[in-house]
Amino acid sequence: MPDAQCLMPNAQLIKPRLPGGFKDLLPEEFAARQFILDKTVEVYRSFGFQPLETSCVEHLETLSGSDETSKQIYRLFNQEPDFTGESLSLRFDLTVPLARVLASNRSAFNLPFKRYQTGYVWRGERQQKGRFKQFLQCDADIVGTDDPAADAEIVLLIDAIMQSLGLKNFTIRLNDRRILNGFILSLGLSPADINSFLRILDKLDKIGWGGVAVLLSDKTTRDENGQETAGLGLSPDKIELVGKFITAKDNLKQIAADFAEIPALQAGVASLRKIITLAAAAGVKSPHLQFDPSLARGLDYYTGPVFETILNDIPNIGSVMSGGRYDNLMERFSRDSLPATGISLGVDRLLAALQELNLLQTTGKSASALFVPLDDAALEKCFSLASELRIHSIPCEIYLGENKKLKKQLTYANQKGISICLILGEVELVQNVIQLKNLISGEQRNIAISDLFREISKIVTSDKQVVSDILV
């Protein structure tokens, strides 16, 4: 029973606000996002990936990594009487929970294990275009092999997903953390400085080379949020070396020759060469695939190849698919380690990009046909016929509004993007026919009720193809 206060005319109403960084999805946008997910999962399954589900809530210690990551974690405060004092949080990504599941269920998985998962993650980030505090990810990971062939398959996944969504002008940026780490150490920096260098380099797309050069010097800068970043104290000649290094795009040969004396860097070069060779054998090559020595990726757990996918027509929105190899992540949960590589699709960011590029148009249509009963006797027959269509996997709807006027029901169909109306009244019941009205062409004809499934099947098959063409 509703609260009595809610029924009082003078009760104070609550403003229907939504917290910043969160969003609701109305039917049309939800349909568009579901289209992206369906296409993505279809590609994952075509490569032999299996579904996996992990909990939204984790122990805080499970998620806490670097200071940068810890600051963005959403903590939960349990006020139940039986609260045990456990520190719980919403998951930050889908990768750390994967490592926890593997560590606690090793015997349940055949290796290499290829999984995909779709789920919400939460991050306490500053709200901006294409970036939310709650967002949906759709991940794919290969666990149990350190062969670069697995990384090459991740590249193929990215390309196949972009192509399946009708995207042609994109770039998969590729690098290896061993190349970056080897170069950083060659500058005379200590291993402790590697993460600081990578965090600075990861800002290149946002602040440009000039801003990065300042951070690499001994100067301290303050960003738009008032946060200070200390410089690394590199000399001008070493900063110049960094500039030359990060501009050696698509030139692995030059990188290999310039740093022949660094084994770890050479291992990274060899890995990328194999990835690029295998990807090219499958038809993925430049300009879609590009070696970029400036690509760092912000998370600390990457150990080898890293990937980012940029839509060239809207680069300011950031990467829509990113990931890399993280062979040491399991060590947080087990003395044994499992090599792994994977990718994450930023579904909401990609959706925002496709909408801005006008590449994704939906009607929010949920049914193929609307039954239009003109009286109660016809309503009963419509319920019977609609059940038969649904049994045969044809989605349909019956008009349930109180206003039974034909004009009102046709307007309802138009507003929902339903192009076929099935009109049934007293006359039609006597003649055992139903009126089929096409709201797009204006055509209207009587068909025998016994032929309804066959006639609707023809229209639905054609309609599905038209909708697919519009979406892509």
Protein backbone atom coordinates (compact mmCIF):
# COMPACT_ATOMS: atom_id res chain seq x y z
CA MET A 1 0.00 0.00 0.00
CA PRO A 2 1.46 3.47 -0.84
CA ASP A 3 2.76 5.60 1.99
CA ALA A 4 -0.06 7.83 3.25
CA GLN A 5 2.25 10.85 3.03
CA CYS A 6 2.63 10.30 -0.71
CA LEU A 7 -1.13 10.70 -1.08
CA MET A 8 -1.30 14.01 0.76
CA PRO A 9 -1.74 16.95 -1.63
CA ASN A 10 0.68 19.17 0.32
CA ALA A 11 3.46 16.58 0.64
CA GLN A 12 6.83 17.86 -0.52
CA LEU A 13 7.84 16.28 -3.83
CA ILE A 14 11.31 14.90 -4.37
CA LYS A 15 13.14 16.38 -7.32
CA PRO A 16 13.86 13.53 -9.79
CA ARG A 17 17.60 14.15 -10.00
CA LEU A 18 20.32 11.82 -11.26
CA PRO A 19 23.85 11.98 -9.77
CA GLY A 20 26.51 13.44 -12.06
CA GLY A 21 28.48 10.89 -14.06
CA PHE A 22 25.55 8.46 -14.21
CA LYS A 23 22.92 8.09 -16.91
CA ASP A 24 19.59 6.47 -17.67
CA LEU A 25 18.99 4.73 -20.98
CA LEU A 26 15.66 5.40 -22.67
CA PRO A 27 14.35 2.72 -25.08
CA GLU A 28 15.98 4.06 -28.27
CA GLU A 29 19.42 4.46 -26.70
CA PHE A 30 19.14 1.11 -24.95
CA ALA A 31 18.29 -0.55 -28.27
CA ALA A 32 21.34 1.09 -29.86
CA ARG A 33 23.63 -0.09 -27.06
CA GLN A 34 22.17 -3.60 -27.20
CA PHE A 35 22.93 -3.67 -30.93
CA ILE A 36 26.61 -2.93 -30.14
CA LEU A 37 26.68 -5.64 -27.47
CA ASP A 38 25.02 -8.22 -29.70
CA LYS A 39 27.53 -7.58 -32.50
CA THR A 40 30.46 -7.71 -30.08
CA VAL A 41 29.40 -10.92 -28.36
CA GLU A 42 28.75 -12.48 -31.77
CA VAL A 43 32.39 -11.78 -32.69
CA TYR A 44 33.70 -13.09 -29.35
CA ARG A 45 31.79 -16.33 -29.75
CA SER A 46 32.99 -16.73 -33.33
CA PHE A 47 36.55 -16.87 -31.93
CA GLY A 48 35.62 -19.54 -29.37
CA PHE A 49 35.34 -17.33 -26.25
CA GLN A 50 33.11 -18.55 -23.39
CA PRO A 51 30.89 -16.42 -21.11
CA LEU A 52 31.79 -15.74 -17.47
CA GLU A 53 30.01 -13.74 -14.76
CA THR A 54 31.71 -12.18 -11.73
CA SER A 55 30.35 -10.34 -8.69
CA CYS A 56 29.80 -6.57 -8.78
CA VAL A 57 31.03 -6.33 -5.17
CA GLU A 58 34.57 -7.20 -4.13
CA HIS A 59 36.70 -6.89 -1.02
CA LEU A 60 38.53 -3.57 -1.05
CA GLU A 61 41.90 -5.30 -0.77
CA THR A 62 41.09 -7.27 -3.94
CA LEU A 63 40.79 -4.08 -5.98
CA SER A 64 43.33 -1.80 -4.32
CA GLY A 65 46.44 -1.48 -6.44
CA SER A 66 48.28 1.75 -7.17
CA ASP A 67 47.41 4.97 -5.36
CA GLU A 68 45.94 6.30 -8.62
CA THR A 69 43.57 3.32 -8.91
CA SER A 70 42.62 3.33 -5.21
CA LYS A 71 41.43 6.94 -5.39
CA GLN A 72 38.84 6.00 -8.02
CA ILE A 73 37.33 3.00 -6.21
CA TYR A 74 33.71 3.25 -5.06
CA ARG A 75 33.57 2.02 -1.46
CA LEU A 76 30.42 0.54 0.07
CA PHE A 77 29.24 1.39 3.58
CA ASN A 78 27.09 -1.35 5.10
CA GLN A 79 24.85 -0.21 7.95
CA GLU A 80 23.07 -3.51 8.60
CA PRO A 81 22.95 -4.70 12.24
CA ASP A 82 25.05 -7.77 11.45
CA PHE A 83 27.73 -5.77 9.66
CA THR A 84 31.08 -7.49 10.20
CA GLY A 85 33.31 -4.52 9.42
CA GLU A 86 34.47 -5.85 6.03
CA SER A 87 35.69 -3.22 3.58
CA LEU A 88 33.72 -3.75 0.38
CA SER A 89 33.79 -1.94 -2.95
CA LEU A 90 32.17 -1.92 -6.37
CA ARG A 91 34.38 -3.47 -9.01
CA PHE A 92 36.73 -1.13 -10.84
CA ASP A 93 37.00 -3.27 -13.97
CA LEU A 94 36.27 -6.84 -15.08
CA THR A 95 39.90 -7.98 -15.19
CA VAL A 96 40.81 -8.06 -11.49
CA PRO A 97 37.66 -10.10 -10.65
CA LEU A 98 38.65 -12.51 -13.43
CA ALA A 99 42.03 -13.05 -11.77
CA ARG A 100 40.32 -13.67 -8.41
CA VAL A 101 37.95 -16.25 -9.94
CA LEU A 102 40.81 -18.06 -11.67
CA ALA A 103 42.89 -18.11 -8.48
CA SER A 104 40.07 -19.69 -6.48
CA ASN A 105 38.82 -22.12 -9.18
CA ARG A 106 41.94 -23.23 -11.03
CA SER A 107 40.76 -26.82 -11.60
CA ALA A 108 37.50 -25.64 -13.21
CA PHE A 109 39.20 -24.15 -16.28
CA ASN A 110 40.95 -25.76 -19.21
CA LEU A 111 43.92 -23.68 -20.30
CA PRO A 112 44.24 -21.66 -22.40
CA PHE A 113 40.88 -20.28 -21.24
CA LYS A 114 39.13 -17.73 -23.46
CA ARG A 115 36.39 -15.80 -21.72
CA TYR A 116 34.12 -12.85 -22.43
CA GLN A 117 32.00 -10.87 -19.99
CA THR A 118 29.65 -7.91 -20.12
CA GLY A 119 28.98 -5.94 -16.96
CA TYR A 120 28.89 -2.58 -15.21
CA VAL A 121 31.98 -1.14 -13.52
CA TRP A 122 32.29 1.95 -11.32
CA ARG A 123 35.04 4.57 -11.13
CA GLY A 124 35.15 7.84 -9.22
CA GLU A 125 36.35 9.81 -12.24
CA ARG A 126 35.65 13.37 -13.25
CA GLN A 127 32.67 13.48 -15.60
CA GLN A 128 33.38 14.45 -19.21
CA LYS A 129 32.16 13.64 -22.72
CA GLY A 130 32.09 9.90 -23.29
CA ARG A 131 33.30 9.18 -19.72
CA PHE A 132 30.96 8.17 -16.91
CA LYS A 133 31.27 7.02 -13.29
CA GLN A 134 29.16 3.95 -14.02
CA PHE A 135 29.67 2.38 -17.41
CA LEU A 136 29.35 -0.92 -19.20
CA GLN A 137 32.34 -2.94 -20.34
CA CYS A 138 32.44 -5.93 -22.63
CA ASP A 139 35.73 -7.79 -22.15
CA ALA A 140 37.51 -10.69 -23.78
CA ASP A 141 40.60 -12.36 -22.29
CA ILE A 142 42.89 -15.27 -23.11
CA VAL A 143 44.46 -16.83 -20.01
CA GLY A 144 47.18 -19.47 -19.78
CA THR A 145 49.53 -18.71 -22.67
CA ASP A 146 52.35 -16.22 -23.17
CA ASP A 147 52.55 -16.80 -26.93
CA PRO A 148 52.23 -13.50 -28.87
CA ALA A 149 49.76 -15.38 -31.08
CA ALA A 150 47.19 -14.79 -28.31
CA ASP A 151 47.88 -11.04 -28.48
CA ALA A 152 47.51 -11.22 -32.26
CA GLU A 153 44.09 -12.79 -31.80
CA ILE A 154 43.10 -9.87 -29.57
CA VAL A 155 44.03 -7.53 -32.44
CA LEU A 156 41.84 -9.60 -34.77
CA LEU A 157 38.96 -9.32 -32.29
CA ILE A 158 39.22 -5.53 -32.27
CA ASP A 159 39.29 -5.33 -36.05
CA ALA A 160 36.36 -7.75 -36.45
CA ILE A 161 34.22 -5.82 -33.96
CA MET A 162 34.92 -2.46 -35.60
CA GLN A 163 34.13 -3.93 -39.01
CA SER A 164 30.93 -5.59 -37.74
CA LEU A 165 29.71 -2.19 -36.51
CA GLY A 166 30.32 -0.65 -39.91
CA LEU A 167 33.36 1.38 -38.79
CA LYS A 168 36.11 1.79 -41.37
CA ASN A 169 38.20 4.77 -40.27
CA PHE A 170 39.86 3.51 -37.08
CA THR A 171 43.39 2.84 -35.84
CA ILE A 172 44.53 0.08 -33.48
CA ARG A 173 47.57 1.51 -31.71
CA LEU A 174 50.05 -1.13 -30.57
CA ASN A 175 53.05 -1.02 -28.26
CA ASP A 176 54.88 -3.19 -25.71
CA ARG A 177 55.59 -2.12 -22.14
CA ARG A 178 58.99 -3.83 -22.30
CA ILE A 179 59.97 -1.43 -25.07
CA LEU A 180 58.92 1.55 -22.98
CA ASN A 181 60.49 0.21 -19.78
CA GLY A 182 63.78 -0.51 -21.54
CA PHE A 183 63.87 2.96 -23.03
CA ILE A 184 63.06 4.60 -19.68
CA LEU A 185 65.92 2.76 -17.96
CA SER A 186 68.28 3.81 -20.77
CA LEU A 187 67.62 7.43 -19.74
CA GLY A 188 69.22 6.75 -16.38
CA LEU A 189 65.92 6.67 -14.47
CA SER A 190 65.40 4.09 -11.75
CA PRO A 191 62.82 1.26 -11.90
CA ALA A 192 60.86 3.22 -9.28
CA ASP A 193 60.49 6.06 -11.81
CA ILE A 194 58.96 3.88 -14.53
CA ASN A 195 55.35 4.31 -13.43
CA SER A 196 55.80 8.08 -13.02
CA PHE A 197 57.20 8.29 -16.56
CA LEU A 198 54.34 6.17 -17.94
CA ARG A 199 51.70 8.29 -16.24
CA ILE A 200 53.24 11.40 -17.76
CA LEU A 201 53.49 9.85 -21.22
CA ASP A 202 49.86 8.69 -20.96
CA LYS A 203 48.86 12.39 -20.91
CA LEU A 204 50.32 12.99 -24.39
CA ASP A 205 46.96 12.98 -26.18
CA LYS A 206 45.49 15.43 -23.66
CA ILE A 207 48.29 17.97 -23.11
CA GLY A 208 50.48 17.50 -26.19
CA TRP A 209 54.24 17.13 -26.41
CA GLY A 210 54.82 20.58 -24.91
CA GLY A 211 52.95 19.64 -21.74
CA VAL A 212 54.70 16.27 -21.51
CA ALA A 213 58.11 17.92 -21.95
CA VAL A 214 57.36 20.21 -18.99
CA LEU A 215 56.41 17.24 -16.80
CA LEU A 216 59.58 15.39 -17.80
CA SER A 217 61.66 18.32 -16.58
CA ASP A 218 62.09 19.30 -12.92
CA LYS A 219 58.99 21.49 -12.92
CA THR A 220 55.79 20.76 -11.00
CA THR A 221 52.49 21.40 -12.76
CA ARG A 222 48.88 21.65 -11.62
CA ASP A 223 45.99 20.32 -13.71
CA GLU A 224 42.47 21.75 -14.07
CA ASN A 225 41.40 19.89 -10.90
CA GLY A 226 44.16 21.47 -8.83
CA GLN A 227 46.19 18.27 -8.55
CA GLU A 228 49.96 18.62 -8.68
CA THR A 229 52.24 16.38 -10.75
CA ALA A 230 55.93 16.43 -9.94
CA GLY A 231 58.43 16.47 -12.80
CA LEU A 232 61.07 13.78 -13.32
CA GLY A 233 64.04 16.11 -13.57
CA LEU A 234 65.28 15.00 -17.01
CA SER A 235 67.87 17.16 -18.74
CA PRO A 236 66.99 18.94 -22.03
CA ASP A 237 69.08 16.49 -24.10
CA LYS A 238 67.27 13.49 -22.59
CA ILE A 239 63.89 15.13 -23.13
CA GLU A 240 64.91 15.55 -26.76
CA LEU A 241 65.65 11.79 -26.89
CA VAL A 242 62.17 11.09 -25.56
CA GLY A 243 60.69 13.27 -28.29
CA LYS A 244 62.56 11.35 -30.99
CA PHE A 245 61.59 8.01 -29.45
CA ILE A 246 57.85 8.61 -29.31
CA THR A 247 57.73 9.91 -32.89
CA ALA A 248 59.18 6.68 -34.33
CA LYS A 249 55.71 5.44 -35.26
CA ASP A 250 55.49 2.31 -37.40
CA ASN A 251 59.29 2.00 -37.24
CA LEU A 252 60.12 -1.06 -35.15
CA LYS A 253 63.30 -1.55 -37.15
CA GLN A 254 64.64 1.82 -36.03
CA ILE A 255 63.74 1.15 -32.37
CA ALA A 256 65.42 -2.25 -32.49
CA ALA A 257 68.62 -0.82 -34.01
CA ASP A 258 68.83 2.15 -31.61
CA PHE A 259 68.55 -0.04 -28.49
CA ALA A 260 70.18 -3.30 -29.50
CA GLU A 261 71.92 -3.59 -26.12
CA ILE A 262 68.69 -3.79 -24.06
CA PRO A 263 67.41 -7.44 -23.96
CA ALA A 264 63.97 -6.64 -22.50
CA LEU A 265 63.31 -4.02 -25.18
CA GLN A 266 64.38 -6.46 -27.89
CA ALA A 267 61.97 -9.06 -26.46
CA GLY A 268 59.18 -6.50 -26.81
CA VAL A 269 60.19 -5.78 -30.41
CA ALA A 270 60.19 -9.51 -31.26
CA SER A 271 56.73 -9.91 -29.72
CA LEU A 272 55.28 -7.01 -31.72
CA ARG A 273 56.82 -8.29 -34.93
CA LYS A 274 55.06 -11.64 -34.48
CA ILE A 275 51.76 -9.96 -33.64
CA ILE A 276 51.95 -7.69 -36.69
CA THR A 277 52.93 -10.61 -38.96
CA LEU A 278 50.04 -12.82 -37.77
CA ALA A 279 47.55 -9.98 -37.93
CA ALA A 280 48.64 -9.15 -41.48
CA ALA A 281 48.19 -12.82 -42.44
CA ALA A 282 44.55 -12.45 -41.34
CA GLY A 283 44.14 -9.22 -43.30
CA VAL A 284 44.70 -6.68 -40.50
CA LYS A 285 47.52 -4.29 -41.32
CA SER A 286 48.38 -0.61 -41.76
CA PRO A 287 46.63 1.81 -41.70
CA HIS A 288 44.31 0.02 -39.25
CA LEU A 289 47.23 -1.36 -37.20
CA GLN A 290 49.99 1.03 -36.14
CA PHE A 291 53.01 0.63 -33.87
CA ASP A 292 53.08 3.64 -31.55
CA PRO A 293 55.98 3.86 -29.05
CA SER A 294 54.18 6.62 -27.14
CA LEU A 295 51.32 4.30 -26.13
CA ALA A 296 51.65 3.61 -22.40
CA ARG A 297 48.21 2.64 -21.01
CA GLY A 298 47.61 3.94 -17.52
CA LEU A 299 47.19 0.76 -15.47
CA ASP A 300 50.30 -0.58 -13.75
CA TYR A 301 49.67 -4.28 -14.31
CA TYR A 302 50.44 -4.40 -18.05
CA THR A 303 53.62 -6.39 -18.74
CA GLY A 304 53.84 -6.73 -22.53
CA PRO A 305 51.83 -5.69 -25.58
CA VAL A 306 49.22 -2.95 -25.06
CA PHE A 307 46.40 -1.87 -27.39
CA GLU A 308 44.17 1.16 -27.93
CA THR A 309 41.55 1.76 -30.59
CA ILE A 310 40.92 5.28 -31.83
CA LEU A 311 38.10 6.41 -34.12
CA ASN A 312 39.97 8.76 -36.43
CA ASP A 313 36.87 10.89 -37.12
CA ILE A 314 36.41 11.64 -33.40
CA PRO A 315 39.80 11.14 -31.65
CA ASN A 316 38.96 13.48 -28.77
CA ILE A 317 36.58 10.94 -27.27
CA GLY A 318 39.52 8.65 -26.48
CA SER A 319 40.02 4.93 -26.90
CA VAL A 320 36.88 2.84 -27.44
CA MET A 321 38.66 -0.52 -27.04
CA SER A 322 41.82 -0.94 -24.98
CA GLY A 323 43.80 -3.55 -23.11
CA GLY A 324 46.99 -5.53 -23.17
CA ARG A 325 49.01 -8.33 -21.60
CA TYR A 326 49.04 -8.66 -17.81
CA ASP A 327 51.10 -11.74 -16.96
CA ASN A 328 51.69 -10.79 -13.29
CA LEU A 329 48.18 -9.96 -12.16
CA MET A 330 47.54 -13.44 -10.71
CA GLU A 331 50.47 -13.02 -8.30
CA ARG A 332 48.22 -10.89 -6.06
CA PHE A 333 46.10 -13.98 -5.33
CA SER A 334 48.41 -16.96 -5.82
CA ARG A 335 52.09 -17.87 -5.69
CA ASP A 336 51.54 -19.33 -9.13
CA SER A 337 51.08 -16.97 -12.05
CA LEU A 338 49.05 -17.28 -15.20
CA PRO A 339 49.96 -15.30 -18.33
CA ALA A 340 47.00 -13.44 -19.77
CA THR A 341 46.06 -10.90 -22.41
CA GLY A 342 42.77 -9.16 -23.08
CA ILE A 343 40.71 -6.29 -24.36
CA SER A 344 37.84 -4.20 -23.01
CA LEU A 345 35.18 -2.45 -25.09
CA GLY A 346 33.99 0.84 -23.61
CA VAL A 347 30.38 0.34 -24.68
CA ASP A 348 28.97 3.68 -23.51
CA ARG A 349 31.89 5.64 -24.92
CA LEU A 350 31.54 3.88 -28.29
CA LEU A 351 27.80 4.52 -28.23
CA ALA A 352 28.41 8.23 -27.61
CA ALA A 353 30.91 8.31 -30.47
CA LEU A 354 28.64 6.52 -32.95
CA GLN A 355 25.76 8.84 -32.10
CA GLU A 356 27.93 11.94 -32.55
CA LEU A 357 29.12 10.60 -35.91
CA ASN A 358 25.48 9.84 -36.92
CA LEU A 359 26.47 6.25 -37.63
CA LEU A 360 23.89 4.70 -35.34
CA GLN A 361 20.19 5.33 -35.81
CA THR A 362 17.46 3.39 -34.01
CA THR A 363 13.72 3.64 -33.66
CA GLY A 364 13.42 1.86 -30.32
CA LYS A 365 11.13 -0.57 -32.12
CA SER A 366 10.36 -3.62 -29.97
CA ALA A 367 7.54 -5.28 -31.92
CA SER A 368 7.06 -6.17 -35.56
CA ALA A 369 3.29 -5.67 -35.57
CA LEU A 370 0.53 -4.09 -33.50
CA PHE A 371 -2.86 -5.78 -33.11
CA VAL A 372 -5.62 -3.16 -33.24
CA PRO A 373 -8.80 -4.54 -31.62
CA LEU A 374 -11.88 -2.43 -32.31
CA ASP A 375 -14.05 -4.05 -29.59
CA ASP A 376 -13.87 -6.56 -26.72
CA ALA A 377 -14.75 -9.55 -28.90
CA ALA A 378 -11.90 -8.68 -31.24
CA LEU A 379 -9.59 -8.19 -28.24
CA GLU A 380 -10.05 -11.80 -27.20
CA LYS A 381 -9.20 -13.02 -30.71
CA CYS A 382 -6.16 -10.70 -30.83
CA PHE A 383 -4.82 -12.27 -27.62
CA SER A 384 -5.14 -15.70 -29.24
CA LEU A 385 -3.46 -14.68 -32.52
CA ALA A 386 -0.66 -12.76 -30.81
CA SER A 387 0.22 -15.83 -28.72
CA GLU A 388 0.53 -17.91 -31.89
CA LEU A 389 2.87 -15.35 -33.50
CA ARG A 390 5.05 -15.17 -30.40
CA ILE A 391 5.33 -18.97 -30.31
CA HIS A 392 6.82 -18.63 -33.80
CA SER A 393 9.31 -15.96 -32.55
CA ILE A 394 7.51 -13.00 -34.12
CA PRO A 395 7.38 -10.12 -31.60
CA CYS A 396 4.03 -8.39 -31.58
CA GLU A 397 1.99 -6.11 -29.38
CA ILE A 398 -1.71 -5.62 -28.61
CA TYR A 399 -3.00 -2.09 -28.09
CA LEU A 400 -4.06 -1.91 -24.42
CA GLY A 401 -5.13 1.73 -24.14
CA GLU A 402 -8.63 2.67 -23.11
CA ASN A 403 -9.24 4.73 -26.25
CA LYS A 404 -10.26 2.19 -28.88
CA LYS A 405 -10.60 4.69 -31.73
CA LEU A 406 -8.72 3.50 -34.80
CA LYS A 407 -6.91 6.83 -35.29
CA LYS A 408 -5.58 6.73 -31.74
CA GLN A 409 -4.26 3.19 -32.14
CA LEU A 410 -2.56 3.95 -35.47
CA THR A 411 -0.89 7.00 -33.90
CA TYR A 412 0.37 4.79 -31.09
CA ALA A 413 1.93 2.42 -33.65
CA ASN A 414 3.60 5.32 -35.46
CA GLN A 415 5.06 6.67 -32.25
CA LYS A 416 6.62 3.28 -31.44
CA GLY A 417 8.02 2.81 -34.92
CA ILE A 418 5.73 -0.13 -35.70
CA SER A 419 4.91 -0.16 -39.40
CA ILE A 420 2.39 -3.03 -39.54
CA CYS A 421 -1.04 -2.83 -37.92
CA LEU A 422 -3.42 -5.80 -37.77
CA ILE A 423 -6.97 -4.42 -37.46
CA LEU A 424 -9.73 -6.66 -36.17
CA GLY A 425 -13.37 -5.78 -35.52
CA GLU A 426 -16.85 -7.26 -35.69
CA VAL A 427 -16.94 -7.35 -39.51
CA GLU A 428 -13.53 -9.04 -39.76
CA LEU A 429 -14.47 -11.66 -37.19
CA VAL A 430 -17.58 -12.62 -39.17
CA GLN A 431 -15.56 -12.88 -42.41
CA ASN A 432 -12.65 -14.65 -40.64
CA VAL A 433 -10.17 -12.10 -41.99
CA ILE A 434 -7.92 -9.42 -40.54
CA GLN A 435 -6.95 -6.08 -42.04
CA LEU A 436 -3.20 -5.67 -42.60
CA LYS A 437 -2.23 -1.99 -42.85
CA ASN A 438 1.31 -0.89 -43.81
CA LEU A 439 1.82 2.52 -42.22
CA ILE A 440 4.85 3.26 -44.41
CA SER A 441 3.37 2.54 -47.84
CA GLY A 442 -0.24 3.18 -46.88
CA GLU A 443 -1.27 -0.18 -48.37
CA GLN A 444 -4.20 -1.88 -46.66
CA ARG A 445 -5.68 -5.28 -47.51
CA ASN A 446 -7.66 -8.11 -45.96
CA ILE A 447 -5.93 -11.43 -45.41
CA ALA A 448 -7.38 -14.71 -44.17
CA ILE A 449 -6.66 -15.25 -40.48
CA SER A 450 -5.33 -18.70 -41.39
CA ASP A 451 -2.68 -16.99 -43.59
CA LEU A 452 -1.58 -14.48 -40.93
CA PHE A 453 1.64 -16.22 -39.89
CA ARG A 454 2.80 -16.72 -43.48
CA GLU A 455 2.07 -13.11 -44.50
CA ILE A 456 3.67 -11.60 -41.38
CA SER A 457 6.75 -13.83 -41.75
CA LYS A 458 7.41 -12.39 -45.21
CA ILE A 459 7.19 -8.83 -43.91
CA VAL A 460 9.25 -9.46 -40.76
CA THR A 461 12.09 -11.08 -42.73
CA SER A 462 12.28 -8.06 -45.04
CA ASP A 463 11.87 -5.65 -42.11
CA LYS A 464 14.77 -7.17 -40.15
CA GLN A 465 17.08 -6.63 -43.09
CA VAL A 466 15.99 -3.00 -43.42
CA VAL A 467 16.56 -2.35 -39.69
CA SER A 468 20.01 -3.99 -39.87
CA ASP A 469 20.93 -1.77 -42.81
CA ILE A 470 19.79 1.35 -40.93
CA LEU A 471 21.74 0.44 -37.79
CA VAL A 472 24.97 -0.26 -39.65
